[in-house]
Amino acid sequence: MSKSRNNALEFSTVGSEVLESTDAVTGKRYGALQIINDATFSALTAGNVTDTSKLIGQTIPAGMVIYGEFSAVTVSSGLVMAHKY
């Protein structure tokens, strides 16, 4: 039996990074962005999320999790846990 893609994304075994204000990351792959403190992004690129530009400059409240295949993230303010995959 083959695994579904969701079952294969084991964030905890791959690791995570804490991103804070002015952190800009490119070239890494994140499967989820967990908002720890209210956050805003000035850049957000995901290959499988349509129109991430609508999230730029918006305040994302603490507790939210944004799922996707993120390859570039720039945090303008707040604290974000970026879960690798």
N, C-alpha and C. Protein backbone atom coordinates (compact mmCIF):
# COMPACT_ATOMS: atom_id res chain seq x y z
N MET A 1 0.85 -1.17 0.00
CA MET A 1 0.00 0.00 0.00
C MET A 1 0.89 1.23 0.00
N SER A 2 0.59 2.16 -0.87
CA SER A 2 1.40 3.38 -0.93
C SER A 2 0.91 4.39 0.09
N LYS A 3 1.83 5.21 0.54
CA LYS A 3 1.50 6.27 1.50
C LYS A 3 0.89 7.45 0.77
N SER A 4 -0.05 8.11 1.41
CA SER A 4 -0.54 9.36 0.84
C SER A 4 0.50 10.44 1.12
N ARG A 5 0.46 11.51 0.37
CA ARG A 5 1.42 12.59 0.56
C ARG A 5 1.33 13.15 1.97
N ASN A 6 0.13 13.30 2.51
CA ASN A 6 -0.03 13.86 3.85
C ASN A 6 0.62 12.97 4.91
N ASN A 7 0.53 11.66 4.74
CA ASN A 7 1.16 10.77 5.71
C ASN A 7 2.67 10.84 5.64
N ALA A 8 3.20 11.22 4.49
CA ALA A 8 4.65 11.28 4.32
C ALA A 8 5.25 12.56 4.89
N LEU A 9 4.45 13.58 5.14
CA LEU A 9 4.97 14.84 5.67
C LEU A 9 5.07 14.76 7.19
N GLU A 10 6.19 14.32 7.65
CA GLU A 10 6.42 14.19 9.08
C GLU A 10 7.29 15.35 9.53
N PHE A 11 6.64 16.48 9.81
CA PHE A 11 7.37 17.70 10.14
C PHE A 11 8.32 17.52 11.32
N SER A 12 7.87 16.80 12.33
CA SER A 12 8.67 16.70 13.55
C SER A 12 9.97 15.94 13.33
N THR A 13 10.02 15.01 12.37
CA THR A 13 11.24 14.25 12.16
C THR A 13 12.24 14.97 11.27
N VAL A 14 11.79 15.98 10.54
CA VAL A 14 12.67 16.70 9.63
C VAL A 14 13.24 17.95 10.31
N GLY A 15 12.50 18.51 11.23
CA GLY A 15 12.97 19.67 11.97
C GLY A 15 12.21 20.94 11.64
N SER A 16 12.50 21.96 12.38
CA SER A 16 11.84 23.25 12.23
C SER A 16 12.85 24.35 12.48
N GLU A 17 12.49 25.55 12.07
CA GLU A 17 13.31 26.74 12.32
C GLU A 17 12.41 27.84 12.86
N VAL A 18 12.94 28.61 13.78
CA VAL A 18 12.22 29.78 14.29
C VAL A 18 12.65 30.98 13.45
N LEU A 19 11.66 31.65 12.86
CA LEU A 19 11.92 32.85 12.06
C LEU A 19 11.30 34.03 12.78
N GLU A 20 12.05 35.11 12.86
CA GLU A 20 11.54 36.32 13.51
C GLU A 20 11.70 37.51 12.58
N SER A 21 11.33 38.65 13.08
CA SER A 21 11.33 39.87 12.28
C SER A 21 12.65 40.05 11.53
N THR A 22 12.54 40.36 10.28
CA THR A 22 13.62 40.61 9.31
C THR A 22 14.34 39.34 8.84
N ASP A 23 13.92 38.15 9.30
CA ASP A 23 14.52 36.92 8.78
C ASP A 23 14.00 36.67 7.37
N ALA A 24 14.92 36.44 6.45
CA ALA A 24 14.57 36.12 5.07
C ALA A 24 15.24 34.80 4.71
N VAL A 25 14.45 33.84 4.28
CA VAL A 25 14.96 32.51 3.97
C VAL A 25 14.53 32.14 2.55
N THR A 26 15.48 31.70 1.73
CA THR A 26 15.16 31.18 0.41
C THR A 26 15.92 29.88 0.20
N GLY A 27 15.42 29.04 -0.68
CA GLY A 27 16.11 27.81 -1.01
C GLY A 27 15.86 26.66 -0.06
N LYS A 28 15.09 26.87 0.99
CA LYS A 28 14.72 25.78 1.89
C LYS A 28 13.27 25.44 1.62
N ARG A 29 12.83 24.29 2.10
CA ARG A 29 11.45 23.88 1.87
C ARG A 29 10.74 23.71 3.20
N TYR A 30 9.63 24.41 3.32
CA TYR A 30 8.79 24.31 4.52
C TYR A 30 7.41 23.82 4.13
N GLY A 31 6.84 22.94 4.92
CA GLY A 31 5.51 22.41 4.66
C GLY A 31 4.44 23.11 5.45
N ALA A 32 4.83 23.85 6.48
CA ALA A 32 3.85 24.58 7.29
C ALA A 32 4.55 25.75 7.98
N LEU A 33 3.80 26.83 8.11
CA LEU A 33 4.27 28.00 8.86
C LEU A 33 3.31 28.20 10.02
N GLN A 34 3.81 27.99 11.22
CA GLN A 34 3.01 28.11 12.43
C GLN A 34 3.29 29.48 13.05
N ILE A 35 2.24 30.28 13.21
CA ILE A 35 2.40 31.64 13.71
C ILE A 35 2.41 31.59 15.25
N ILE A 36 3.52 31.98 15.85
CA ILE A 36 3.67 31.96 17.31
C ILE A 36 3.19 33.29 17.90
N ASN A 37 3.70 34.40 17.37
CA ASN A 37 3.23 35.75 17.72
C ASN A 37 2.67 36.35 16.44
N ASP A 38 1.62 37.18 16.54
CA ASP A 38 1.06 37.80 15.35
C ASP A 38 2.18 38.17 14.39
N ALA A 39 2.02 37.83 13.11
CA ALA A 39 3.12 38.01 12.16
C ALA A 39 2.63 38.63 10.85
N THR A 40 3.55 39.31 10.19
CA THR A 40 3.33 39.78 8.82
C THR A 40 4.51 39.32 7.97
N PHE A 41 4.24 39.13 6.69
CA PHE A 41 5.27 38.70 5.74
C PHE A 41 5.46 39.78 4.69
N SER A 42 6.71 39.97 4.25
CA SER A 42 6.96 40.87 3.13
C SER A 42 7.28 40.07 1.87
N ALA A 43 7.53 38.77 2.01
CA ALA A 43 7.71 37.86 0.87
C ALA A 43 7.26 36.47 1.29
N LEU A 44 6.57 35.81 0.38
CA LEU A 44 6.06 34.46 0.67
C LEU A 44 5.85 33.76 -0.67
N THR A 45 6.62 32.71 -0.91
CA THR A 45 6.52 31.97 -2.17
C THR A 45 6.22 30.51 -1.87
N ALA A 46 5.16 30.01 -2.51
CA ALA A 46 4.79 28.60 -2.36
C ALA A 46 4.34 28.09 -3.72
N GLY A 47 4.92 26.98 -4.14
CA GLY A 47 4.61 26.42 -5.44
C GLY A 47 3.19 25.91 -5.58
N ASN A 48 2.56 25.56 -4.48
CA ASN A 48 1.23 24.97 -4.57
C ASN A 48 0.14 25.82 -3.89
N VAL A 49 0.44 27.08 -3.61
CA VAL A 49 -0.56 27.99 -3.03
C VAL A 49 -0.80 29.11 -4.03
N THR A 50 -2.04 29.25 -4.45
CA THR A 50 -2.39 30.27 -5.43
C THR A 50 -2.40 31.65 -4.80
N ASP A 51 -1.68 32.58 -5.39
CA ASP A 51 -1.69 34.00 -5.04
C ASP A 51 -1.32 34.30 -3.59
N THR A 52 -0.11 33.90 -3.20
CA THR A 52 0.37 34.21 -1.85
C THR A 52 0.52 35.72 -1.64
N SER A 53 0.51 36.49 -2.73
CA SER A 53 0.65 37.94 -2.61
C SER A 53 -0.47 38.55 -1.77
N LYS A 54 -1.61 37.89 -1.70
CA LYS A 54 -2.72 38.39 -0.89
C LYS A 54 -2.42 38.33 0.61
N LEU A 55 -1.42 37.55 0.99
CA LEU A 55 -1.04 37.45 2.41
C LEU A 55 0.02 38.47 2.80
N ILE A 56 0.70 39.05 1.80
CA ILE A 56 1.77 40.01 2.07
C ILE A 56 1.19 41.25 2.75
N GLY A 57 1.78 41.61 3.88
CA GLY A 57 1.35 42.80 4.62
C GLY A 57 0.15 42.58 5.53
N GLN A 58 -0.49 41.42 5.44
CA GLN A 58 -1.63 41.13 6.31
C GLN A 58 -1.12 40.63 7.66
N THR A 59 -1.80 40.97 8.71
CA THR A 59 -1.44 40.44 10.03
C THR A 59 -2.08 39.07 10.18
N ILE A 60 -1.24 38.07 10.35
CA ILE A 60 -1.70 36.70 10.55
C ILE A 60 -1.67 36.46 12.06
N PRO A 61 -2.81 36.13 12.67
CA PRO A 61 -2.85 36.02 14.13
C PRO A 61 -2.13 34.78 14.67
N ALA A 62 -1.64 34.92 15.87
CA ALA A 62 -0.98 33.80 16.56
C ALA A 62 -1.93 32.62 16.61
N GLY A 63 -1.36 31.44 16.46
CA GLY A 63 -2.14 30.21 16.51
C GLY A 63 -2.51 29.66 15.15
N MET A 64 -2.40 30.47 14.12
CA MET A 64 -2.72 30.02 12.76
C MET A 64 -1.58 29.15 12.23
N VAL A 65 -1.92 28.21 11.35
CA VAL A 65 -0.94 27.41 10.63
C VAL A 65 -1.28 27.52 9.16
N ILE A 66 -0.29 27.88 8.35
CA ILE A 66 -0.46 28.00 6.91
C ILE A 66 0.29 26.83 6.28
N TYR A 67 -0.42 26.01 5.52
CA TYR A 67 0.18 24.84 4.89
C TYR A 67 0.48 25.12 3.42
N GLY A 68 1.57 24.55 2.92
CA GLY A 68 1.95 24.69 1.52
C GLY A 68 3.37 24.19 1.33
N GLU A 69 3.90 24.41 0.15
CA GLU A 69 5.29 24.07 -0.14
C GLU A 69 6.05 25.38 -0.30
N PHE A 70 6.46 25.95 0.82
CA PHE A 70 7.08 27.27 0.84
C PHE A 70 8.57 27.17 0.53
N SER A 71 9.03 28.01 -0.39
CA SER A 71 10.45 28.01 -0.76
C SER A 71 11.12 29.35 -0.45
N ALA A 72 10.33 30.37 -0.14
CA ALA A 72 10.88 31.67 0.25
C ALA A 72 9.94 32.32 1.25
N VAL A 73 10.52 32.75 2.37
CA VAL A 73 9.73 33.38 3.44
C VAL A 73 10.53 34.54 4.00
N THR A 74 9.90 35.71 4.06
CA THR A 74 10.50 36.86 4.74
C THR A 74 9.49 37.37 5.75
N VAL A 75 9.88 37.33 7.02
CA VAL A 75 9.03 37.77 8.12
C VAL A 75 9.30 39.24 8.38
N SER A 76 8.26 40.08 8.31
CA SER A 76 8.41 41.50 8.58
C SER A 76 8.29 41.77 10.08
N SER A 77 7.38 41.06 10.71
CA SER A 77 7.21 41.21 12.16
C SER A 77 6.61 39.92 12.70
N GLY A 78 6.83 39.71 13.98
CA GLY A 78 6.27 38.52 14.63
C GLY A 78 7.26 37.38 14.77
N LEU A 79 6.72 36.23 15.11
CA LEU A 79 7.53 35.04 15.33
C LEU A 79 6.83 33.86 14.68
N VAL A 80 7.58 33.11 13.86
CA VAL A 80 7.01 32.03 13.07
C VAL A 80 7.86 30.78 13.24
N MET A 81 7.21 29.64 13.42
CA MET A 81 7.91 28.35 13.45
C MET A 81 7.71 27.76 12.06
N ALA A 82 8.80 27.60 11.32
CA ALA A 82 8.75 27.06 9.95
C ALA A 82 9.13 25.59 10.01
N HIS A 83 8.18 24.73 9.66
CA HIS A 83 8.36 23.28 9.73
C HIS A 83 8.85 22.76 8.38
N LYS A 84 10.04 22.16 8.39
CA LYS A 84 10.65 21.64 7.17
C LYS A 84 9.96 20.36 6.72
N TYR A 85 10.14 20.06 5.42
CA TYR A 85 9.72 18.75 4.94
C TYR A 85 10.66 18.27 3.87
